[in-house]
C-alpha atoms as a PDB file:
ATOM      1  CA  MET A   1      -0.044   0.059   0.161  1.00  0.00           C
ATOM      2  CA  ALA A   2       1.338   3.501  -0.706  1.00  0.00           C
ATOM      3  CA  HIS A   3       2.851   5.496   2.015  1.00  0.00           C
ATOM      4  CA  ARG A   4       1.169   8.426   3.164  1.00  0.00           C
ATOM      5  CA  ALA A   5       2.756  11.443   4.850  1.00  0.00           C
ATOM      6  CA  GLY A   6       1.465  14.495   6.328  1.00  0.00           C
ATOM      7  CA  TRP A   7      -1.987  13.718   7.576  1.00  0.00           C
ATOM      8  CA  ALA A   8      -1.766  15.094  10.861  1.00  0.00           C
ATOM      9  CA  PRO A   9      -2.881  18.684   9.954  1.00  0.00           C
ATOM     10  CA  GLY A  10      -6.039  17.422   8.368  1.00  0.00           C
ATOM     11  CA  LEU A  11      -7.041  16.271  12.083  1.00  0.00           C
ATOM     12  CA  ALA A  12      -8.698  19.148  13.155  1.00  0.00           C
ATOM     13  CA  VAL A  13     -11.410  19.681  10.208  1.00  0.00           C
ATOM     14  CA  ILE A  14     -12.459  16.205  11.647  1.00  0.00           C
ATOM     15  CA  LEU A  15     -12.663  17.635  14.925  1.00  0.00           C
ATOM     16  CA  VAL A  16     -14.193  20.594  14.064  1.00  0.00           C
ATOM     17  CA  ALA A  17     -17.031  18.615  11.629  1.00  0.00           C
ATOM     18  CA  ALA A  18     -17.637  16.024  14.343  1.00  0.00           C
ATOM     19  CA  SER A  19     -18.351  19.040  16.591  1.00  0.00           C
ATOM     20  CA  ALA A  20     -20.542  20.251  14.204  1.00  0.00           C
ATOM     21  CA  LEU A  21     -22.260  17.033  12.714  1.00  0.00           C
ATOM     22  CA  GLY A  22     -22.375  14.751  15.205  1.00  0.00           C
ATOM     23  CA  ALA A  23     -23.112  11.061  14.664  1.00  0.00           C
ATOM     24  CA  CYS A  24     -24.244  10.890  11.127  1.00  0.00           C
ATOM     25  CA  ASP A  25     -27.148   8.622   9.715  1.00  0.00           C
ATOM     26  CA  SER A  26     -26.023   5.188   9.101  1.00  0.00           C
ATOM     27  CA  ASN A  27     -28.104   4.724   5.813  1.00  0.00           C
ATOM     28  CA  GLU A  28     -25.499   4.450   2.915  1.00  0.00           C
ATOM     29  CA  GLY A  29     -25.524   7.896   1.044  1.00  0.00           C
ATOM     30  CA  SER A  30     -28.416   9.145   3.317  1.00  0.00           C
ATOM     31  CA  SER A  31     -26.513  12.075   5.131  1.00  0.00           C
ATOM     32  CA  SER A  32     -28.640  15.382   4.633  1.00  0.00           C
ATOM     33  CA  PRO A  33     -28.002  17.164   8.342  1.00  0.00           C
ATOM     34  CA  ARG A  34     -30.742  17.592  10.876  1.00  0.00           C
ATOM     35  CA  SER A  35     -31.828  21.227  11.543  1.00  0.00           C
ATOM     36  CA  ASP A  36     -29.405  21.154  14.312  1.00  0.00           C
ATOM     37  CA  GLN A  37     -26.576  20.763  12.425  1.00  0.00           C
ATOM     38  CA  ARG A  38     -23.957  23.314  11.101  1.00  0.00           C
ATOM     39  CA  PRO A  39     -21.337  21.734   8.454  1.00  0.00           C
ATOM     40  CA  PRO A  40     -18.640  23.730   8.566  1.00  0.00           C
ATOM     41  CA  LEU A  41     -19.297  25.247   4.989  1.00  0.00           C
ATOM     42  CA  THR A  42     -19.709  28.566   3.855  1.00  0.00           C
ATOM     43  CA  SER A  43     -20.977  29.520   0.779  1.00  0.00           C
ATOM     44  CA  GLY A  44     -19.087  31.075  -2.458  1.00  0.00           C
ATOM     45  CA  PRO A  45     -20.161  33.353  -5.315  1.00  0.00           C
ATOM     46  CA  ALA A  46     -22.353  31.248  -7.629  1.00  0.00           C
ATOM     47  CA  ILE A  47     -21.121  29.813 -11.122  1.00  0.00           C
ATOM     48  CA  PRO A  48     -22.443  32.085 -13.869  1.00  0.00           C
ATOM     49  CA  GLU A  49     -24.232  29.631 -15.888  1.00  0.00           C
ATOM     50  CA  ALA A  50     -25.657  26.243 -13.879  1.00  0.00           C
ATOM     51  CA  ARG A  51     -25.150  23.064 -15.097  1.00  0.00           C
ATOM     52  CA  GLY A  52     -24.160  19.296 -13.987  1.00  0.00           C
ATOM     53  CA  GLU A  53     -21.673  16.671 -15.110  1.00  0.00           C
ATOM     54  CA  VAL A  54     -18.751  19.152 -15.312  1.00  0.00           C
ATOM     55  CA  ALA A  55     -14.937  18.674 -14.900  1.00  0.00           C
ATOM     56  CA  GLY A  56     -13.030  20.723 -12.885  1.00  0.00           C
ATOM     57  CA  ALA A  57      -9.529  21.628 -11.708  1.00  0.00           C
ATOM     58  CA  LEU A  58      -7.278  23.943 -10.163  1.00  0.00           C
ATOM     59  CA  TRP A  59      -5.156  25.918 -12.474  1.00  0.00           C
ATOM     60  CA  ALA A  60      -3.019  29.344 -12.416  1.00  0.00           C
ATOM     61  CA  ALA A  61      -4.670  30.473  -9.154  1.00  0.00           C
ATOM     62  CA  LYS A  62      -7.978  29.458 -10.366  1.00  0.00           C
ATOM     63  CA  ILE A  63     -10.824  27.131 -10.329  1.00  0.00           C
ATOM     64  CA  ALA A  64     -11.354  25.842 -13.796  1.00  0.00           C
ATOM     65  CA  VAL A  65     -14.930  24.270 -14.508  1.00  0.00           C
ATOM     66  CA  ALA A  66     -15.715  22.981 -17.986  1.00  0.00           C
ATOM     67  CA  GLY A  67     -18.535  21.694 -19.568  1.00  0.00           C
ATOM     68  CA  GLY A  68     -21.900  19.704 -18.380  1.00  0.00           C
ATOM     69  CA  PHE A  69     -25.086  20.400 -18.717  1.00  0.00           C
ATOM     70  CA  PRO A  70     -27.127  23.335 -18.780  1.00  0.00           C
ATOM     71  CA  GLY A  71     -30.316  21.288 -19.887  1.00  0.00           C
ATOM     72  CA  ILE A  72     -31.962  18.562 -20.587  1.00  0.00           C
ATOM     73  CA  ASP A  73     -30.222  17.383 -23.924  1.00  0.00           C
ATOM     74  CA  GLN A  74     -27.906  19.988 -24.261  1.00  0.00           C
ATOM     75  CA  SER A  75     -23.757  20.063 -23.181  1.00  0.00           C
ATOM     76  CA  SER A  76     -21.488  23.254 -23.409  1.00  0.00           C
ATOM     77  CA  ASN A  77     -18.670  24.546 -24.719  1.00  0.00           C
ATOM     78  CA  ARG A  78     -18.059  26.651 -21.434  1.00  0.00           C
ATOM     79  CA  LEU A  79     -14.735  27.026 -19.503  1.00  0.00           C
ATOM     80  CA  ASP A  80     -15.835  29.355 -16.296  1.00  0.00           C
ATOM     81  CA  LEU A  81     -12.584  30.404 -14.075  1.00  0.00           C
ATOM     82  CA  PHE A  82     -13.002  31.363 -10.624  1.00  0.00           C
ATOM     83  CA  ASP A  83     -10.186  34.028  -9.154  1.00  0.00           C
ATOM     84  CA  LEU A  84      -9.575  32.486  -5.890  1.00  0.00           C
ATOM     85  CA  SER A  85      -8.064  36.276  -5.213  1.00  0.00           C
ATOM     86  CA  SER A  86     -10.860  38.311  -6.005  1.00  0.00           C
ATOM     87  CA  GLY A  87     -13.334  35.758  -5.766  1.00  0.00           C
ATOM     88  CA  THR A  88     -14.970  36.700  -9.350  1.00  0.00           C
ATOM     89  CA  TRP A  89     -15.622  34.294 -11.961  1.00  0.00           C
ATOM     90  CA  SER A  90     -15.073  34.957 -15.590  1.00  0.00           C
ATOM     91  CA  LEU A  91     -15.064  33.032 -19.099  1.00  0.00           C
ATOM     92  CA  GLY A  92     -11.823  31.340 -20.178  1.00  0.00           C
ATOM     93  CA  PRO A  93     -11.479  30.208 -23.993  1.00  0.00           C
ATOM     94  CA  THR A  94     -14.339  28.329 -25.533  1.00  0.00           C
ATOM     95  CA  LEU A  95     -13.737  24.567 -25.403  1.00  0.00           C
ATOM     96  CA  PRO A  96     -12.702  22.860 -28.572  1.00  0.00           C
ATOM     97  CA  HIS A  97     -16.576  21.215 -28.360  1.00  0.00           C
ATOM     98  CA  HIS A  98     -19.268  20.673 -26.413  1.00  0.00           C
ATOM     99  CA  TYR A  99     -18.565  18.249 -23.381  1.00  0.00           C
ATOM    100  CA  ASP A 100     -20.250  16.900 -20.945  1.00  0.00           C
ATOM    101  CA  HIS A 101     -18.737  13.734 -18.310  1.00  0.00           C
ATOM    102  CA  SER A 102     -15.414  15.035 -19.218  1.00  0.00           C
ATOM    103  CA  SER A 103     -12.068  15.283 -16.934  1.00  0.00           C
ATOM    104  CA  LEU A 104     -10.089  17.955 -16.554  1.00  0.00           C
ATOM    105  CA  ALA A 105      -6.572  18.273 -14.489  1.00  0.00           C
ATOM    106  CA  GLU A 106      -3.166  20.913 -14.710  1.00  0.00           C
ATOM    107  CA  VAL A 107       0.466  19.415 -15.239  1.00  0.00           C
ATOM    108  CA  ASN A 108       3.674  21.725 -15.550  1.00  0.00           C
ATOM    109  CA  GLY A 109       1.293  24.723 -15.656  1.00  0.00           C
ATOM    110  CA  ARG A 110      -0.978  23.619 -18.379  1.00  0.00           C
ATOM    111  CA  LEU A 111      -4.774  22.891 -18.217  1.00  0.00           C
ATOM    112  CA  TYR A 112      -5.531  19.578 -19.725  1.00  0.00           C
ATOM    113  CA  LEU A 113      -9.191  18.797 -21.088  1.00  0.00           C
ATOM    114  CA  VAL A 114      -9.445  14.989 -21.345  1.00  0.00           C
ATOM    115  CA  GLY A 115     -11.598  12.247 -22.882  1.00  0.00           C
ATOM    116  CA  GLY A 116     -15.538  13.108 -22.152  1.00  0.00           C
ATOM    117  CA  TYR A 117     -18.974  13.050 -24.151  1.00  0.00           C
ATOM    118  CA  THR A 118     -19.356  15.112 -27.301  1.00  0.00           C
ATOM    119  CA  GLU A 119     -23.141  14.307 -27.985  1.00  0.00           C
ATOM    120  CA  SER A 120     -25.203  14.433 -25.061  1.00  0.00           C
ATOM    121  CA  PHE A 121     -24.385  11.396 -22.792  1.00  0.00           C
ATOM    122  CA  SER A 122     -23.029  10.287 -25.611  1.00  0.00           C
ATOM    123  CA  ASN A 123     -20.193   9.481 -28.124  1.00  0.00           C
ATOM    124  CA  PRO A 124     -17.447   9.546 -25.870  1.00  0.00           C
ATOM    125  CA  THR A 125     -14.129  10.622 -27.048  1.00  0.00           C
ATOM    126  CA  ASN A 126     -10.210  10.266 -26.982  1.00  0.00           C
ATOM    127  CA  GLU A 127      -8.959  13.623 -27.695  1.00  0.00           C
ATOM    128  CA  VAL A 128      -7.055  15.667 -24.907  1.00  0.00           C
ATOM    129  CA  TRP A 129      -6.570  19.484 -25.373  1.00  0.00           C
ATOM    130  CA  SER A 130      -4.264  21.762 -23.272  1.00  0.00           C
ATOM    131  CA  LEU A 131      -4.048  25.298 -22.390  1.00  0.00           C
ATOM    132  CA  GLY A 132      -1.660  27.378 -21.084  1.00  0.00           C
ATOM    133  CA  ARG A 133      -1.378  30.703 -19.336  1.00  0.00           C
ATOM    134  CA  GLY A 134      -2.827  33.648 -21.797  1.00  0.00           C
ATOM    135  CA  ASP A 135      -3.860  31.250 -24.620  1.00  0.00           C
ATOM    136  CA  THR A 136      -6.676  32.105 -26.275  1.00  0.00           C
ATOM    137  CA  THR A 137      -7.451  28.947 -28.093  1.00  0.00           C
ATOM    138  CA  TRP A 138      -6.877  24.989 -26.927  1.00  0.00           C
ATOM    139  CA  THR A 139      -3.928  23.229 -28.192  1.00  0.00           C
ATOM    140  CA  ASP A 140      -4.441  19.848 -29.582  1.00  0.00           C
ATOM    141  CA  GLU A 141      -2.515  16.940 -27.536  1.00  0.00           C
ATOM    142  CA  PRO A 142      -1.712  13.174 -28.475  1.00  0.00           C
ATOM    143  CA  ASP A 143      -4.756  11.221 -28.012  1.00  0.00           C
ATOM    144  CA  LEU A 144      -6.100   8.506 -25.771  1.00  0.00           C
ATOM    145  CA  ALA A 145      -5.831   5.086 -26.851  1.00  0.00           C
ATOM    146  CA  THR A 146      -9.354   4.425 -25.872  1.00  0.00           C
ATOM    147  CA  ARG A 147     -12.329   6.818 -26.232  1.00  0.00           C
ATOM    148  CA  ARG A 148     -13.724   7.560 -22.745  1.00  0.00           C
ATOM    149  CA  GLY A 149     -16.865   9.425 -21.039  1.00  0.00           C
ATOM    150  CA  ALA A 150     -17.278   9.714 -17.459  1.00  0.00           C
ATOM    151  CA  LEU A 151     -13.960   9.490 -16.847  1.00  0.00           C
ATOM    152  CA  ALA A 152     -11.248  10.942 -14.341  1.00  0.00           C
ATOM    153  CA  THR A 153      -7.827  12.263 -14.466  1.00  0.00           C
ATOM    154  CA  ALA A 154      -5.662  13.084 -11.897  1.00  0.00           C
ATOM    155  CA  SER A 155      -2.123  14.724 -11.704  1.00  0.00           C
ATOM    156  CA  ALA A 156       0.665  13.248 -10.060  1.00  0.00           C
ATOM    157  CA  GLY A 157       4.710  13.006 -10.645  1.00  0.00           C
ATOM    158  CA  GLY A 158       4.549  15.487 -13.268  1.00  0.00           C
ATOM    159  CA  LYS A 159       2.430  13.058 -15.652  1.00  0.00           C
ATOM    160  CA  LEU A 160      -1.657  12.706 -15.834  1.00  0.00           C
ATOM    161  CA  VAL A 161      -3.220   9.746 -15.189  1.00  0.00           C
ATOM    162  CA  ALA A 162      -6.500   8.997 -16.969  1.00  0.00           C
ATOM    163  CA  LEU A 163      -8.717   6.071 -15.460  1.00  0.00           C
ATOM    164  CA  GLY A 164     -11.578   4.018 -15.881  1.00  0.00           C
ATOM    165  CA  GLY A 165     -15.103   5.537 -17.854  1.00  0.00           C
ATOM    166  CA  VAL A 166     -17.229   4.279 -20.535  1.00  0.00           C
ATOM    167  CA  ASP A 167     -15.613   3.625 -23.994  1.00  0.00           C
ATOM    168  CA  GLU A 168     -18.157   4.041 -27.586  1.00  0.00           C
ATOM    169  CA  ASN A 169     -19.387   0.553 -26.833  1.00  0.00           C
ATOM    170  CA  ARG A 170     -21.162   1.295 -23.490  1.00  0.00           C
ATOM    171  CA  THR A 171     -18.559  -0.852 -21.540  1.00  0.00           C
ATOM    172  CA  VAL A 172     -17.460   0.076 -18.007  1.00  0.00           C
ATOM    173  CA  LEU A 173     -13.715   0.275 -18.433  1.00  0.00           C
ATOM    174  CA  ALA A 174     -11.082  -1.022 -15.749  1.00  0.00           C
ATOM    175  CA  SER A 175      -8.063   0.445 -18.170  1.00  0.00           C
ATOM    176  CA  THR A 176      -6.034   3.223 -17.207  1.00  0.00           C
ATOM    177  CA  GLU A 177      -3.580   5.515 -19.471  1.00  0.00           C
ATOM    178  CA  ILE A 178      -0.597   7.420 -18.332  1.00  0.00           C
ATOM    179  CA  PHE A 179       0.491  10.619 -20.373  1.00  0.00           C
ATOM    180  CA  THR A 180       4.427  12.398 -19.982  1.00  0.00           C
ATOM    181  CA  PRO A 181       4.101  15.870 -21.414  1.00  0.00           C
ATOM    182  CA  GLY A 182       6.108  16.067 -24.764  1.00  0.00           C
ATOM    183  CA  VAL A 183       5.977  12.295 -25.112  1.00  0.00           C
ATOM    184  CA  GLY A 184       2.228  11.209 -25.263  1.00  0.00           C
ATOM    185  CA  TRP A 185       0.092   8.529 -23.366  1.00  0.00           C
ATOM    186  CA  THR A 186       1.076   4.532 -22.597  1.00  0.00           C
ATOM    187  CA  MET A 187      -1.077   2.134 -20.751  1.00  0.00           C
ATOM    188  CA  GLY A 188      -1.078   2.020 -17.280  1.00  0.00           C
ATOM    189  CA  PRO A 189      -1.871  -0.748 -14.754  1.00  0.00           C
ATOM    190  CA  ASP A 190      -5.812  -1.844 -14.690  1.00  0.00           C
ATOM    191  CA  LEU A 191      -7.963  -1.047 -11.632  1.00  0.00           C
ATOM    192  CA  SER A 192      -9.259  -4.202  -9.881  1.00  0.00           C
ATOM    193  CA  ILE A 193     -12.583  -3.348 -10.827  1.00  0.00           C
ATOM    194  CA  PRO A 194     -14.359  -0.976 -13.961  1.00  0.00           C
ATOM    195  CA  ARG A 195     -15.411   2.390 -12.769  1.00  0.00           C
ATOM    196  CA  GLU A 196     -16.990   5.378 -14.565  1.00  0.00           C
ATOM    197  CA  HIS A 197     -18.697   8.168 -12.845  1.00  0.00           C
ATOM    198  CA  VAL A 198     -15.427   8.043 -10.795  1.00  0.00           C
ATOM    199  CA  GLY A 199     -13.346  10.237  -8.519  1.00  0.00           C
ATOM    200  CA  ALA A 200      -9.574  10.659  -8.899  1.00  0.00           C
ATOM    201  CA  ALA A 201      -7.455  12.745  -6.499  1.00  0.00           C
ATOM    202  CA  ALA A 202      -3.385  12.949  -6.046  1.00  0.00           C
ATOM    203  CA  THR A 203      -0.912  13.725  -3.749  1.00  0.00           C
ATOM    204  CA  GLY A 204       2.616  13.220  -4.587  1.00  0.00           C
ATOM    205  CA  GLU A 205       3.050  10.578  -6.602  1.00  0.00           C
ATOM    206  CA  THR A 206       0.037   8.547  -5.458  1.00  0.00           C
ATOM    207  CA  VAL A 207      -3.101   9.038  -7.403  1.00  0.00           C
ATOM    208  CA  TYR A 208      -6.648   8.062  -5.758  1.00  0.00           C
ATOM    209  CA  ALA A 209      -8.994   5.959  -7.894  1.00  0.00           C
ATOM    210  CA  ILE A 210     -12.270   6.724  -5.942  1.00  0.00           C
ATOM    211  CA  ALA A 211     -15.766   5.334  -5.745  1.00  0.00           C
ATOM    212  CA  GLY A 212     -17.381   5.465  -9.036  1.00  0.00           C
ATOM    213  CA  ARG A 213     -20.497   2.893 -10.456  1.00  0.00           C
ATOM    214  CA  ASN A 214     -19.979  -0.250 -12.830  1.00  0.00           C
ATOM    215  CA  VAL A 215     -22.890  -2.888 -13.644  1.00  0.00           C
ATOM    216  CA  ASP A 216     -22.934  -3.679 -10.277  1.00  0.00           C
ATOM    217  CA  GLY A 217     -24.360  -0.201  -8.762  1.00  0.00           C
ATOM    218  CA  ALA A 218     -22.186   2.186  -7.306  1.00  0.00           C
ATOM    219  CA  THR A 219     -19.342   1.496  -4.992  1.00  0.00           C
ATOM    220  CA  ALA A 220     -17.581   3.100  -1.785  1.00  0.00           C
ATOM    221  CA  ALA A 221     -14.343   1.375  -2.961  1.00  0.00           C
ATOM    222  CA  VAL A 222     -10.900   2.940  -3.344  1.00  0.00           C
ATOM    223  CA  GLU A 223      -7.528   2.009  -4.589  1.00  0.00           C
ATOM    224  CA  SER A 224      -4.191   3.900  -5.085  1.00  0.00           C
ATOM    225  CA  LEU A 225      -1.266   3.724  -7.383  1.00  0.00           C
ATOM    226  CA  VAL A 226       2.033   5.107  -7.141  1.00  0.00           C
ATOM    227  CA  VAL A 227       2.785   6.154 -10.657  1.00  0.00           C
ATOM    228  CA  GLY A 228       5.708   3.775 -12.043  1.00  0.00           C
ATOM    229  CA  GLN A 229       4.242   0.864 -10.189  1.00  0.00           C
ATOM    230  CA  GLU A 230       2.542  -2.048 -11.664  1.00  0.00           C
ATOM    231  CA  GLU A 231      -0.679  -2.741  -9.848  1.00  0.00           C
ATOM    232  CA  TRP A 232      -3.359  -0.771  -7.765  1.00  0.00           C
ATOM    233  CA  GLN A 233      -3.159  -1.157  -4.567  1.00  0.00           C
ATOM    234  CA  ALA A 234      -6.826  -1.492  -2.328  1.00  0.00           C
ATOM    235  CA  GLU A 235      -7.180   1.697   0.297  1.00  0.00           C
ATOM    236  CA  PRO A 236     -10.065   2.049   2.996  1.00  0.00           C
ATOM    237  CA  ASP A 237     -13.661   1.913   1.495  1.00  0.00           C
ATOM    238  CA  LEU A 238     -15.679   5.268   1.899  1.00  0.00           C
ATOM    239  CA  HIS A 239     -18.632   5.150   4.096  1.00  0.00           C
ATOM    240  CA  ASP A 240     -21.029   6.110   1.858  1.00  0.00           C
ATOM    241  CA  VAL A 241     -21.674   4.478  -1.981  1.00  0.00           C
ATOM    242  CA  ARG A 242     -21.317   7.377  -4.389  1.00  0.00           C
ATOM    243  CA  SER A 243     -21.002   8.321  -8.029  1.00  0.00           C
ATOM    244  CA  GLY A 244     -20.734  11.154 -10.366  1.00  0.00           C
ATOM    245  CA  ILE A 245     -18.237  13.020  -8.115  1.00  0.00           C
ATOM    246  CA  GLY A 246     -15.084  14.633  -7.959  1.00  0.00           C
ATOM    247  CA  ALA A 247     -12.103  14.315  -5.692  1.00  0.00           C
ATOM    248  CA  ALA A 248      -9.073  16.886  -4.353  1.00  0.00           C
ATOM    249  CA  THR A 249      -5.951  17.097  -2.140  1.00  0.00           C
ATOM    250  CA  THR A 250      -5.343  19.807   0.249  1.00  0.00           C
ATOM    251  CA  ALA A 251      -2.233  21.529   0.762  1.00  0.00           C
ATOM    252  CA  SER A 252      -1.886  19.281   3.897  1.00  0.00           C
ATOM    253  CA  GLY A 253      -2.250  15.955   1.766  1.00  0.00           C
ATOM    254  CA  LEU A 254      -6.018  15.326   3.240  1.00  0.00           C
ATOM    255  CA  VAL A 255      -7.970  13.915   0.330  1.00  0.00           C
ATOM    256  CA  CYS A 256     -11.460  14.877   0.139  1.00  0.00           C
ATOM    257  CA  THR A 257     -14.796  13.984  -2.199  1.00  0.00           C
ATOM    258  CA  GLY A 258     -18.279  14.896  -1.641  1.00  0.00           C
ATOM    259  CA  GLY A 259     -21.387  14.555  -3.048  1.00  0.00           C
ATOM    260  CA  GLY A 260     -22.460  12.308  -5.437  1.00  0.00           C
ATOM    261  CA  GLU A 261     -25.627  10.043  -6.747  1.00  0.00           C
ATOM    262  CA  VAL A 262     -27.067   6.056  -6.186  1.00  0.00           C
ATOM    263  CA  LEU A 263     -28.441   6.187  -9.808  1.00  0.00           C
ATOM    264  CA  GLY A 264     -32.023   6.494  -9.601  1.00  0.00           C
ATOM    265  CA  GLN A 265     -32.472   6.239  -5.537  1.00  0.00           C
ATOM    266  CA  ARG A 266     -30.887   9.597  -4.224  1.00  0.00           C
ATOM    267  CA  THR A 267     -28.598  12.153  -4.098  1.00  0.00           C
ATOM    268  CA  VAL A 268     -25.478  12.175  -1.553  1.00  0.00           C
ATOM    269  CA  ALA A 269     -24.893  14.970   0.935  1.00  0.00           C
ATOM    270  CA  SER A 270     -21.851  14.118   2.878  1.00  0.00           C
ATOM    271  CA  ILE A 271     -17.837  14.855   2.332  1.00  0.00           C
ATOM    272  CA  GLU A 272     -15.429  12.219   3.518  1.00  0.00           C
ATOM    273  CA  CYS A 273     -11.866  13.176   3.968  1.00  0.00           C
ATOM    274  CA  LEU A 274      -8.865  10.516   3.828  1.00  0.00           C
ATOM    275  CA  ASP A 275      -7.227  11.086   7.603  1.00  0.00           C
ATOM    276  CA  GLY A 276      -4.729   8.998   9.393  1.00  0.00           C
ATOM    277  CA  GLY A 277      -5.445   5.837   6.706  1.00  0.00           C
ATOM    278  CA  ARG A 278      -9.292   6.037   7.208  1.00  0.00           C
ATOM    279  CA  TRP A 279     -12.173   8.159   5.679  1.00  0.00           C
ATOM    280  CA  GLN A 280     -14.197  10.314   7.864  1.00  0.00           C
ATOM    281  CA  ARG A 281     -17.361  12.195   7.300  1.00  0.00           C
ATOM    282  CA  VAL A 282     -17.034  15.780   7.748  1.00  0.00           C
ATOM    283  CA  ALA A 283     -19.471  17.648   6.626  1.00  0.00           C
ATOM    284  CA  ALA A 284     -22.524  17.404   4.471  1.00  0.00           C
ATOM    285  CA  MET A 285     -23.710  19.834   1.656  1.00  0.00           C
ATOM    286  CA  ARG A 286     -26.691  21.899   1.766  1.00  0.00           C
ATOM    287  CA  VAL A 287     -27.440  20.987  -1.866  1.00  0.00           C
ATOM    288  CA  PRO A 288     -26.593  17.565  -2.325  1.00  0.00           C
ATOM    289  CA  ARG A 289     -25.843  16.741  -5.688  1.00  0.00           C
ATOM    290  CA  HIS A 290     -23.803  14.837  -8.197  1.00  0.00           C
ATOM    291  CA  GLY A 291     -21.797  15.560 -11.195  1.00  0.00           C
ATOM    292  CA  LEU A 292     -20.007  18.517  -9.497  1.00  0.00           C
ATOM    293  CA  ALA A 293     -16.320  20.121  -9.827  1.00  0.00           C
ATOM    294  CA  VAL A 294     -14.682  19.205  -6.403  1.00  0.00           C
ATOM    295  CA  VAL A 295     -10.836  21.771  -6.380  1.00  0.00           C
ATOM    296  CA  ALA A 296      -8.964  22.180  -3.634  1.00  0.00           C
ATOM    297  CA  LYS A 297      -6.645  25.566  -2.975  1.00  0.00           C
ATOM    298  CA  GLY A 298      -4.707  25.668   0.475  1.00  0.00           C
ATOM    299  CA  ASP A 299      -6.936  24.720   2.898  1.00  0.00           C
ATOM    300  CA  ARG A 300     -10.146  25.116   1.533  1.00  0.00           C
ATOM    301  CA  VAL A 301     -12.533  22.506  -1.044  1.00  0.00           C
ATOM    302  CA  HIS A 302     -14.655  24.238  -3.084  1.00  0.00           C
ATOM    303  CA  PHE A 303     -17.808  21.893  -4.293  1.00  0.00           C
ATOM    304  CA  VAL A 304     -19.159  23.574  -7.456  1.00  0.00           C
ATOM    305  CA  ALA A 305     -22.292  22.926  -9.561  1.00  0.00           C
ATOM    306  CA  GLY A 306     -23.804  19.542 -10.048  1.00  0.00           C
ATOM    307  CA  THR A 307     -27.423  18.056 -10.212  1.00  0.00           C
ATOM    308  CA  PRO A 308     -29.668  18.246  -7.401  1.00  0.00           C
ATOM    309  CA  THR A 309     -31.272  15.446  -8.245  1.00  0.00           C
ATOM    310  CA  THR A 310     -31.150  11.548 -10.388  1.00  0.00           C
ATOM    311  CA  ALA A 311     -33.951  11.578 -11.806  1.00  0.00           C
ATOM    312  CA  SER A 312     -33.623  15.047 -14.081  1.00  0.00           C
ATOM    313  CA  PHE A 313     -30.982  17.059 -15.963  1.00  0.00           C
ATOM    314  CA  GLU A 314     -31.875  19.777 -13.372  1.00  0.00           C
ATOM    315  CA  ALA A 315     -28.116  21.875 -12.669  1.00  0.00           C
ATOM    316  CA  SER A 316     -27.536  23.832  -9.874  1.00  0.00           C
ATOM    317  CA  ASP A 317     -25.064  27.133  -9.760  1.00  0.00           C
ATOM    318  CA  ALA A 318     -24.151  26.283  -6.127  1.00  0.00           C
ATOM    319  CA  HIS A 319     -20.634  27.037  -4.857  1.00  0.00           C
ATOM    320  CA  GLU A 320     -20.069  25.332  -1.497  1.00  0.00           C
ATOM    321  CA  VAL A 321     -16.282  25.390   0.341  1.00  0.00           C
ATOM    322  CA  LEU A 322     -14.958  23.610   2.902  1.00  0.00           C
ATOM    323  CA  THR A 323     -11.997  24.881   5.246  1.00  0.00           C
ATOM    324  CA  VAL A 324      -9.715  22.613   6.495  1.00  0.00           C
ATOM    325  CA  GLU A 325      -8.495  24.558   9.680  1.00  0.00           C
ATOM    326  CA  PRO A 326      -4.420  23.613  10.411  1.00  0.00           C
END
């Protein structure tokens, strides 16, 4: 199992949240707070266009949110950028296509748009594009070997790791691919189980594949890969099964995920963070949603946009922020 260091600073958020939340409902995913519970969340400026099934990443000191569904049967070519210093949203360069269920990650100062659906929940692509600071148009990058919608991509050790998703035959994938800038993509080791609507985050050279779903339904399973090694390693399960999620890592190395859905049943409100080798529920979103962007900067984790229900394309402009107190 991958060695994890520097977890102690994250303990404070667990203590703050435990005091605020009390005991969580033991029902999987049913984590809406009681009226007397006050999660340690604040509201940030709403994203200008409400939408679900977005991709998100931290880039150039901004939260980048790309694509998604602003309404039924229509995906978006928007890139919205939230400036963390000014607290304002702006439009970035238009995406090369309309996308939903895509992925975003940053490596070596460039923002990469990887995979996704290009025809409203269909036609998964293997295209990859990048954007540098000051660029007004996206640069075409080497394609993935496999078409992937509803995948996740994380940056670790100066490389990108794209994992899981759904191919053009509607097969849920266990395969992974690793991108080295200036070189291209190579196949990585397979996940232990196929996953789509999966979350990914990294700390150092370790990438985490978090939850998601496959033909067996939503999962709470988590696994990790040290880039360069040949196998994914089992990690502790989440408390709540979930899919349609994002994940991010704070400056102190705390890996957090939140929201999601159990398809056709419920959205998930709980936020969980991996601390001291185990996941802990630390808060509950005021607006439970799936298909959201989860992005961390410093000691704050941002939960942006998403879909509050499992039965419609209803979109949210919500922006909630969890602060990890050192």
